[in-house]
Amino acid sequence: MEVDATMSNKYHSVTVAIEKGLKEEDIKPIVDAIKMIKGVISAEGNIADATLYIAESRARHEIQQKIVDIVFK
């Protein structure tokens, strides 16, 4: 099946990941700025919870362990 090169994809959303957890008062101006972008109908913050913290900790540990394995084995 051939794709028409003149057609472009249409996006319905964009996800933004924040480098580190921010307090509500720090994230609010970012969310407000995103809401001001043309075409944006909604923007909201997602509160970090214990499940997220555990997942990040496990991923970080796994990466650290792989580095240790490479360096010391």
N, C-alpha and C. Protein backbone atom coordinates (compact mmCIF):
# COMPACT_ATOMS: atom_id res chain seq x y z
N MET A 1 0.84 -1.16 0.00
CA MET A 1 0.00 0.00 0.00
C MET A 1 0.90 1.24 0.00
N GLU A 2 0.65 2.13 -0.89
CA GLU A 2 1.45 3.34 -1.02
C GLU A 2 0.81 4.47 -0.22
N VAL A 3 1.65 5.24 0.48
CA VAL A 3 1.16 6.36 1.29
C VAL A 3 1.34 7.64 0.50
N ASP A 4 0.30 8.47 0.49
CA ASP A 4 0.35 9.75 -0.19
C ASP A 4 1.25 10.70 0.60
N ALA A 5 2.33 11.16 -0.02
CA ALA A 5 3.31 12.02 0.65
C ALA A 5 2.73 13.38 0.99
N THR A 6 1.64 13.79 0.38
CA THR A 6 1.07 15.10 0.67
C THR A 6 0.20 15.09 1.91
N MET A 7 -0.17 13.90 2.39
CA MET A 7 -0.99 13.79 3.59
C MET A 7 -0.10 13.91 4.83
N SER A 8 -0.61 14.52 5.88
CA SER A 8 0.15 14.60 7.12
C SER A 8 -0.67 14.00 8.26
N ASN A 9 0.03 13.56 9.28
CA ASN A 9 -0.64 13.01 10.46
C ASN A 9 -1.35 14.11 11.22
N LYS A 10 -2.43 13.76 11.87
CA LYS A 10 -3.16 14.70 12.72
C LYS A 10 -3.02 14.22 14.16
N TYR A 11 -2.60 15.11 15.03
CA TYR A 11 -2.39 14.77 16.43
C TYR A 11 -3.56 15.26 17.27
N HIS A 12 -3.92 14.48 18.29
CA HIS A 12 -5.02 14.87 19.18
C HIS A 12 -4.51 15.30 20.55
N SER A 13 -3.24 15.00 20.86
CA SER A 13 -2.71 15.40 22.16
C SER A 13 -1.19 15.35 22.15
N VAL A 14 -0.61 16.00 23.15
CA VAL A 14 0.84 16.02 23.34
C VAL A 14 1.08 15.79 24.82
N THR A 15 2.04 14.95 25.15
CA THR A 15 2.39 14.70 26.54
C THR A 15 3.69 15.40 26.85
N VAL A 16 3.72 16.09 27.97
CA VAL A 16 4.92 16.79 28.41
C VAL A 16 5.39 16.15 29.71
N ALA A 17 6.65 15.73 29.75
CA ALA A 17 7.21 15.14 30.97
C ALA A 17 8.10 16.17 31.65
N ILE A 18 7.92 16.32 32.93
CA ILE A 18 8.68 17.27 33.73
C ILE A 18 9.94 16.56 34.26
N GLU A 19 11.06 17.26 34.24
CA GLU A 19 12.35 16.68 34.66
C GLU A 19 12.32 16.10 36.07
N LYS A 20 11.70 16.80 36.99
CA LYS A 20 11.61 16.34 38.37
C LYS A 20 10.28 16.81 38.95
N GLY A 21 9.91 16.22 40.06
CA GLY A 21 8.65 16.60 40.69
C GLY A 21 8.68 18.07 41.10
N LEU A 22 7.62 18.78 40.80
CA LEU A 22 7.51 20.19 41.15
C LEU A 22 6.33 20.40 42.08
N LYS A 23 6.43 21.43 42.90
CA LYS A 23 5.31 21.79 43.77
C LYS A 23 4.21 22.41 42.92
N GLU A 24 2.99 22.37 43.47
CA GLU A 24 1.84 22.90 42.74
C GLU A 24 2.04 24.35 42.31
N GLU A 25 2.60 25.15 43.19
CA GLU A 25 2.80 26.57 42.85
C GLU A 25 3.85 26.77 41.76
N ASP A 26 4.74 25.78 41.58
CA ASP A 26 5.74 25.86 40.52
C ASP A 26 5.21 25.34 39.18
N ILE A 27 4.31 24.38 39.22
CA ILE A 27 3.79 23.79 37.99
C ILE A 27 2.66 24.63 37.40
N LYS A 28 1.96 25.38 38.23
CA LYS A 28 0.81 26.16 37.77
C LYS A 28 1.16 27.12 36.63
N PRO A 29 2.25 27.90 36.71
CA PRO A 29 2.57 28.79 35.58
C PRO A 29 2.87 28.04 34.28
N ILE A 30 3.44 26.84 34.40
CA ILE A 30 3.73 26.04 33.21
C ILE A 30 2.43 25.59 32.57
N VAL A 31 1.52 25.06 33.39
CA VAL A 31 0.22 24.62 32.87
C VAL A 31 -0.53 25.80 32.27
N ASP A 32 -0.50 26.95 32.95
CA ASP A 32 -1.18 28.13 32.43
C ASP A 32 -0.61 28.57 31.09
N ALA A 33 0.72 28.49 30.94
CA ALA A 33 1.36 28.86 29.67
C ALA A 33 0.95 27.91 28.56
N ILE A 34 0.88 26.62 28.85
CA ILE A 34 0.46 25.63 27.85
C ILE A 34 -0.98 25.91 27.41
N LYS A 35 -1.83 26.29 28.36
CA LYS A 35 -3.23 26.59 28.04
C LYS A 35 -3.35 27.77 27.08
N MET A 36 -2.35 28.65 27.07
CA MET A 36 -2.39 29.83 26.22
C MET A 36 -1.98 29.54 24.76
N ILE A 37 -1.44 28.37 24.50
CA ILE A 37 -1.02 28.00 23.16
C ILE A 37 -2.24 27.78 22.28
N LYS A 38 -2.19 28.30 21.08
CA LYS A 38 -3.31 28.18 20.13
C LYS A 38 -3.67 26.70 19.92
N GLY A 39 -4.93 26.39 20.02
CA GLY A 39 -5.43 25.04 19.78
C GLY A 39 -5.52 24.18 21.02
N VAL A 40 -4.95 24.62 22.13
CA VAL A 40 -5.01 23.84 23.37
C VAL A 40 -6.37 24.08 24.03
N ILE A 41 -7.08 22.99 24.29
CA ILE A 41 -8.38 23.12 24.95
C ILE A 41 -8.32 22.68 26.41
N SER A 42 -7.24 21.98 26.78
CA SER A 42 -7.13 21.49 28.15
C SER A 42 -5.67 21.22 28.48
N ALA A 43 -5.29 21.53 29.70
CA ALA A 43 -3.96 21.20 30.23
C ALA A 43 -4.10 21.05 31.73
N GLU A 44 -3.51 20.01 32.29
CA GLU A 44 -3.59 19.80 33.72
C GLU A 44 -2.36 19.05 34.20
N GLY A 45 -2.04 19.23 35.47
CA GLY A 45 -0.92 18.51 36.06
C GLY A 45 -1.35 17.15 36.57
N ASN A 46 -0.42 16.25 36.64
CA ASN A 46 -0.67 14.92 37.20
C ASN A 46 0.14 14.78 38.48
N ILE A 47 -0.53 14.50 39.57
CA ILE A 47 0.12 14.41 40.87
C ILE A 47 0.90 13.10 40.97
N ALA A 48 2.17 13.22 41.41
CA ALA A 48 3.01 12.03 41.61
C ALA A 48 2.50 11.28 42.84
N ASP A 49 2.50 9.96 42.75
CA ASP A 49 2.03 9.16 43.87
C ASP A 49 3.06 8.07 44.19
N ALA A 50 2.76 7.26 45.17
CA ALA A 50 3.69 6.23 45.61
C ALA A 50 4.01 5.23 44.50
N THR A 51 3.03 4.89 43.68
CA THR A 51 3.25 3.93 42.60
C THR A 51 4.29 4.46 41.62
N LEU A 52 4.18 5.74 41.27
CA LEU A 52 5.15 6.36 40.38
C LEU A 52 6.53 6.35 41.01
N TYR A 53 6.62 6.71 42.28
CA TYR A 53 7.90 6.74 42.98
C TYR A 53 8.55 5.36 42.99
N ILE A 54 7.77 4.33 43.25
CA ILE A 54 8.29 2.97 43.28
C ILE A 54 8.79 2.56 41.89
N ALA A 55 8.01 2.86 40.86
CA ALA A 55 8.41 2.51 39.49
C ALA A 55 9.71 3.21 39.11
N GLU A 56 9.82 4.50 39.44
CA GLU A 56 11.03 5.24 39.12
C GLU A 56 12.23 4.69 39.90
N SER A 57 12.02 4.34 41.16
CA SER A 57 13.09 3.80 41.99
C SER A 57 13.58 2.46 41.44
N ARG A 58 12.66 1.61 41.03
CA ARG A 58 13.04 0.32 40.47
C ARG A 58 13.80 0.49 39.16
N ALA A 59 13.33 1.38 38.31
CA ALA A 59 14.00 1.62 37.03
C ALA A 59 15.40 2.17 37.27
N ARG A 60 15.52 3.12 38.19
CA ARG A 60 16.82 3.70 38.53
C ARG A 60 17.77 2.62 39.05
N HIS A 61 17.27 1.76 39.94
CA HIS A 61 18.09 0.68 40.49
C HIS A 61 18.54 -0.28 39.41
N GLU A 62 17.65 -0.61 38.50
CA GLU A 62 17.98 -1.53 37.42
C GLU A 62 19.10 -0.95 36.54
N ILE A 63 19.01 0.30 36.23
CA ILE A 63 20.04 0.96 35.41
C ILE A 63 21.36 1.00 36.17
N GLN A 64 21.31 1.35 37.45
CA GLN A 64 22.53 1.38 38.26
C GLN A 64 23.17 0.01 38.32
N GLN A 65 22.36 -1.02 38.47
CA GLN A 65 22.88 -2.39 38.55
C GLN A 65 23.55 -2.79 37.24
N LYS A 66 22.97 -2.40 36.11
CA LYS A 66 23.56 -2.71 34.82
C LYS A 66 24.91 -2.01 34.65
N ILE A 67 25.00 -0.78 35.14
CA ILE A 67 26.27 -0.05 35.07
C ILE A 67 27.32 -0.74 35.93
N VAL A 68 26.94 -1.14 37.13
CA VAL A 68 27.87 -1.85 38.03
C VAL A 68 28.33 -3.15 37.37
N ASP A 69 27.39 -3.87 36.78
CA ASP A 69 27.74 -5.14 36.12
C ASP A 69 28.74 -4.92 34.97
N ILE A 70 28.54 -3.85 34.21
CA ILE A 70 29.45 -3.56 33.09
C ILE A 70 30.83 -3.17 33.60
N VAL A 71 30.88 -2.34 34.63
CA VAL A 71 32.15 -1.81 35.13
C VAL A 71 32.93 -2.88 35.89
N PHE A 72 32.27 -3.69 36.69
CA PHE A 72 32.98 -4.61 37.58
C PHE A 72 32.97 -6.07 37.15
N LYS A 73 32.48 -6.37 35.99
CA LYS A 73 32.46 -7.77 35.54
C LYS A 73 33.18 -7.93 34.23
